Amino acid sequence: MFFKKRQKPEAPVVHATDEDFAELVERSAGVSIVDFWAPWCAPCRMMSPILDEIAIEYADAGVKVVKVNADVAPDSSERYGIRSIPTLIFFQDGEPLFEMVGPVPKPVLEREIDQLI
């Protein structure tokens, strides 16, 4: 007997570029977690499923996960002083609050988000 694998819900992750970063993050109400990443970055690829889970689990609380490919959006990366990836910047109502550099365990992200919402 074979069982069908249950499909995971698609994560509501938003992808931003230099052109729409201000609209998607800086003029956005609520909490946004911005992930500066690149496809060639192994730690960034490790963070991707964690951020997908965060996006799904916290969507009802108004938390938005925004991914910014640092290679494609150099102006946004430079504006926020991104020197290493992955870098997560937590925004609240369009204002940057703090950042985390490198891979971050899910419980640490959950703790920080829970303090903001």
C-alpha atoms as a PDB file:
ATOM      1  CA  MET A   1       0.000   0.000   0.000  1.00  0.00           C
ATOM      2  CA  PHE A   2       1.300   3.430  -0.908  1.00  0.00           C
ATOM      3  CA  PHE A   3       0.534   6.657   0.830  1.00  0.00           C
ATOM      4  CA  LYS A   4       0.351  10.006  -0.788  1.00  0.00           C
ATOM      5  CA  LYS A   5       2.807  12.457   0.592  1.00  0.00           C
ATOM      6  CA  ARG A   6       1.025  15.431   2.077  1.00  0.00           C
ATOM      7  CA  GLN A   7       1.952  18.608   0.269  1.00  0.00           C
ATOM      8  CA  LYS A   8       3.370  21.393   2.375  1.00  0.00           C
ATOM      9  CA  PRO A   9       1.634  24.737   2.065  1.00  0.00           C
ATOM     10  CA  GLU A  10       3.495  27.220  -0.060  1.00  0.00           C
ATOM     11  CA  ALA A  11       5.368  29.743   2.042  1.00  0.00           C
ATOM     12  CA  PRO A  12       4.184  33.338   1.607  1.00  0.00           C
ATOM     13  CA  VAL A  13       7.753  34.597   1.148  1.00  0.00           C
ATOM     14  CA  VAL A  14       8.093  37.847  -0.805  1.00  0.00           C
ATOM     15  CA  HIS A  15      11.064  38.450  -3.110  1.00  0.00           C
ATOM     16  CA  ALA A  16      12.262  42.058  -3.285  1.00  0.00           C
ATOM     17  CA  THR A  17      14.563  43.927  -5.646  1.00  0.00           C
ATOM     18  CA  ASP A  18      16.124  47.380  -5.476  1.00  0.00           C
ATOM     19  CA  GLU A  19      13.091  48.725  -7.344  1.00  0.00           C
ATOM     20  CA  ASP A  20      10.426  47.492  -4.916  1.00  0.00           C
ATOM     21  CA  PHE A  21      12.343  47.225  -1.613  1.00  0.00           C
ATOM     22  CA  ALA A  22      10.982  50.517  -0.245  1.00  0.00           C
ATOM     23  CA  GLU A  23       7.400  49.556  -1.047  1.00  0.00           C
ATOM     24  CA  LEU A  24       7.665  46.007   0.326  1.00  0.00           C
ATOM     25  CA  VAL A  25       9.680  46.780   3.470  1.00  0.00           C
ATOM     26  CA  GLU A  26      10.262  50.441   4.313  1.00  0.00           C
ATOM     27  CA  ARG A  27       6.648  51.526   3.765  1.00  0.00           C
ATOM     28  CA  SER A  28       5.183  48.341   5.214  1.00  0.00           C
ATOM     29  CA  ALA A  29       3.355  48.146   8.534  1.00  0.00           C
ATOM     30  CA  GLY A  30       4.105  45.373  10.977  1.00  0.00           C
ATOM     31  CA  VAL A  31       7.109  43.111  11.338  1.00  0.00           C
ATOM     32  CA  SER A  32       9.229  42.230   8.310  1.00  0.00           C
ATOM     33  CA  ILE A  33      12.196  39.896   8.377  1.00  0.00           C
ATOM     34  CA  VAL A  34      14.477  40.673   5.453  1.00  0.00           C
ATOM     35  CA  ASP A  35      16.863  37.926   4.385  1.00  0.00           C
ATOM     36  CA  PHE A  36      19.835  39.134   2.337  1.00  0.00           C
ATOM     37  CA  TRP A  37      21.057  35.999   0.571  1.00  0.00           C
ATOM     38  CA  ALA A  38      22.554  34.615  -2.647  1.00  0.00           C
ATOM     39  CA  PRO A  39      21.890  31.347  -4.493  1.00  0.00           C
ATOM     40  CA  TRP A  40      25.555  30.288  -4.325  1.00  0.00           C
ATOM     41  CA  CYS A  41      25.683  30.676  -0.515  1.00  0.00           C
ATOM     42  CA  ALA A  42      25.397  27.329   1.310  1.00  0.00           C
ATOM     43  CA  PRO A  43      24.408  28.843   4.715  1.00  0.00           C
ATOM     44  CA  CYS A  44      21.737  30.857   2.882  1.00  0.00           C
ATOM     45  CA  ARG A  45      20.315  27.654   1.412  1.00  0.00           C
ATOM     46  CA  MET A  46      20.284  26.154   4.925  1.00  0.00           C
ATOM     47  CA  MET A  47      18.217  29.106   6.178  1.00  0.00           C
ATOM     48  CA  SER A  48      15.660  28.949   3.371  1.00  0.00           C
ATOM     49  CA  PRO A  49      13.445  26.132   4.759  1.00  0.00           C
ATOM     50  CA  ILE A  50      13.560  27.696   8.228  1.00  0.00           C
ATOM     51  CA  LEU A  51      12.391  31.043   6.845  1.00  0.00           C
ATOM     52  CA  ASP A  52       9.685  29.285   4.815  1.00  0.00           C
ATOM     53  CA  GLU A  53       8.366  27.712   8.038  1.00  0.00           C
ATOM     54  CA  ILE A  54       8.513  31.069   9.840  1.00  0.00           C
ATOM     55  CA  ALA A  55       6.607  32.712   6.964  1.00  0.00           C
ATOM     56  CA  ILE A  56       3.858  30.096   7.172  1.00  0.00           C
ATOM     57  CA  GLU A  57       3.622  29.941  10.969  1.00  0.00           C
ATOM     58  CA  TYR A  58       3.637  33.711  11.556  1.00  0.00           C
ATOM     59  CA  ALA A  59       1.595  34.864   8.535  1.00  0.00           C
ATOM     60  CA  ASP A  60      -1.562  35.206  10.644  1.00  0.00           C
ATOM     61  CA  ALA A  61       0.367  37.424  13.086  1.00  0.00           C
ATOM     62  CA  GLY A  62       1.241  39.805  10.243  1.00  0.00           C
ATOM     63  CA  VAL A  63       4.922  38.868  10.039  1.00  0.00           C
ATOM     64  CA  LYS A  64       6.313  39.093   6.525  1.00  0.00           C
ATOM     65  CA  VAL A  65       9.452  37.307   5.309  1.00  0.00           C
ATOM     66  CA  VAL A  66      11.188  39.158   2.483  1.00  0.00           C
ATOM     67  CA  LYS A  67      14.121  37.662   0.583  1.00  0.00           C
ATOM     68  CA  VAL A  68      16.607  39.951  -1.179  1.00  0.00           C
ATOM     69  CA  ASN A  69      19.163  38.382  -3.496  1.00  0.00           C
ATOM     70  CA  ALA A  70      22.252  40.454  -2.674  1.00  0.00           C
ATOM     71  CA  ASP A  71      23.675  39.858  -6.154  1.00  0.00           C
ATOM     72  CA  VAL A  72      20.540  41.165  -7.852  1.00  0.00           C
ATOM     73  CA  ALA A  73      19.860  44.046  -5.419  1.00  0.00           C
ATOM     74  CA  PRO A  74      23.265  45.650  -4.771  1.00  0.00           C
ATOM     75  CA  ASP A  75      21.823  49.065  -3.877  1.00  0.00           C
ATOM     76  CA  SER A  76      19.668  47.696  -1.051  1.00  0.00           C
ATOM     77  CA  SER A  77      22.565  45.555   0.165  1.00  0.00           C
ATOM     78  CA  GLU A  78      24.894  48.549   0.203  1.00  0.00           C
ATOM     79  CA  ARG A  79      22.305  50.788   1.860  1.00  0.00           C
ATOM     80  CA  TYR A  80      22.032  48.421   4.822  1.00  0.00           C
ATOM     81  CA  GLY A  81      25.745  47.657   4.979  1.00  0.00           C
ATOM     82  CA  ILE A  82      25.489  43.983   4.080  1.00  0.00           C
ATOM     83  CA  ARG A  83      29.024  42.566   4.240  1.00  0.00           C
ATOM     84  CA  SER A  84      28.236  38.913   4.894  1.00  0.00           C
ATOM     85  CA  ILE A  85      25.350  36.646   3.972  1.00  0.00           C
ATOM     86  CA  PRO A  86      23.005  35.430   5.137  1.00  0.00           C
ATOM     87  CA  THR A  87      22.073  38.582   7.020  1.00  0.00           C
ATOM     88  CA  LEU A  88      18.604  38.933   8.529  1.00  0.00           C
ATOM     89  CA  ILE A  89      17.366  42.426   9.344  1.00  0.00           C
ATOM     90  CA  PHE A  90      14.244  42.750  11.471  1.00  0.00           C
ATOM     91  CA  PHE A  91      12.040  45.733  10.583  1.00  0.00           C
ATOM     92  CA  GLN A  92       9.033  47.050  12.446  1.00  0.00           C
ATOM     93  CA  ASP A  93       6.762  49.498  10.634  1.00  0.00           C
ATOM     94  CA  GLY A  94       9.492  50.104   8.061  1.00  0.00           C
ATOM     95  CA  GLU A  95      12.249  50.867  10.564  1.00  0.00           C
ATOM     96  CA  PRO A  96      15.234  48.526  10.939  1.00  0.00           C
ATOM     97  CA  LEU A  97      15.553  47.296  14.520  1.00  0.00           C
ATOM     98  CA  PHE A  98      18.446  44.827  14.558  1.00  0.00           C
ATOM     99  CA  GLU A  99      20.237  42.269  12.428  1.00  0.00           C
ATOM    100  CA  MET A 100      21.551  38.731  12.710  1.00  0.00           C
ATOM    101  CA  VAL A 101      24.453  37.526  10.575  1.00  0.00           C
ATOM    102  CA  GLY A 102      24.999  33.901   9.650  1.00  0.00           C
ATOM    103  CA  PRO A 103      22.723  30.894  10.037  1.00  0.00           C
ATOM    104  CA  VAL A 104      20.232  31.319  12.883  1.00  0.00           C
ATOM    105  CA  PRO A 105      18.368  28.420  14.542  1.00  0.00           C
ATOM    106  CA  LYS A 106      14.580  28.519  14.283  1.00  0.00           C
ATOM    107  CA  PRO A 107      14.021  28.780  18.086  1.00  0.00           C
ATOM    108  CA  VAL A 108      16.151  31.945  18.168  1.00  0.00           C
ATOM    109  CA  LEU A 109      14.115  33.484  15.341  1.00  0.00           C
ATOM    110  CA  GLU A 110      10.867  32.524  17.065  1.00  0.00           C
ATOM    111  CA  ARG A 111      12.022  34.104  20.328  1.00  0.00           C
ATOM    112  CA  GLU A 112      12.887  37.382  18.594  1.00  0.00           C
ATOM    113  CA  ILE A 113       9.664  37.470  16.598  1.00  0.00           C
ATOM    114  CA  ASP A 114       7.566  36.708  19.671  1.00  0.00           C
ATOM    115  CA  GLN A 115       9.076  39.726  21.402  1.00  0.00           C
ATOM    116  CA  LEU A 116       8.095  41.971  18.483  1.00  0.00           C
ATOM    117  CA  ILE A 117       4.488  40.879  17.953  1.00  0.00           C
END
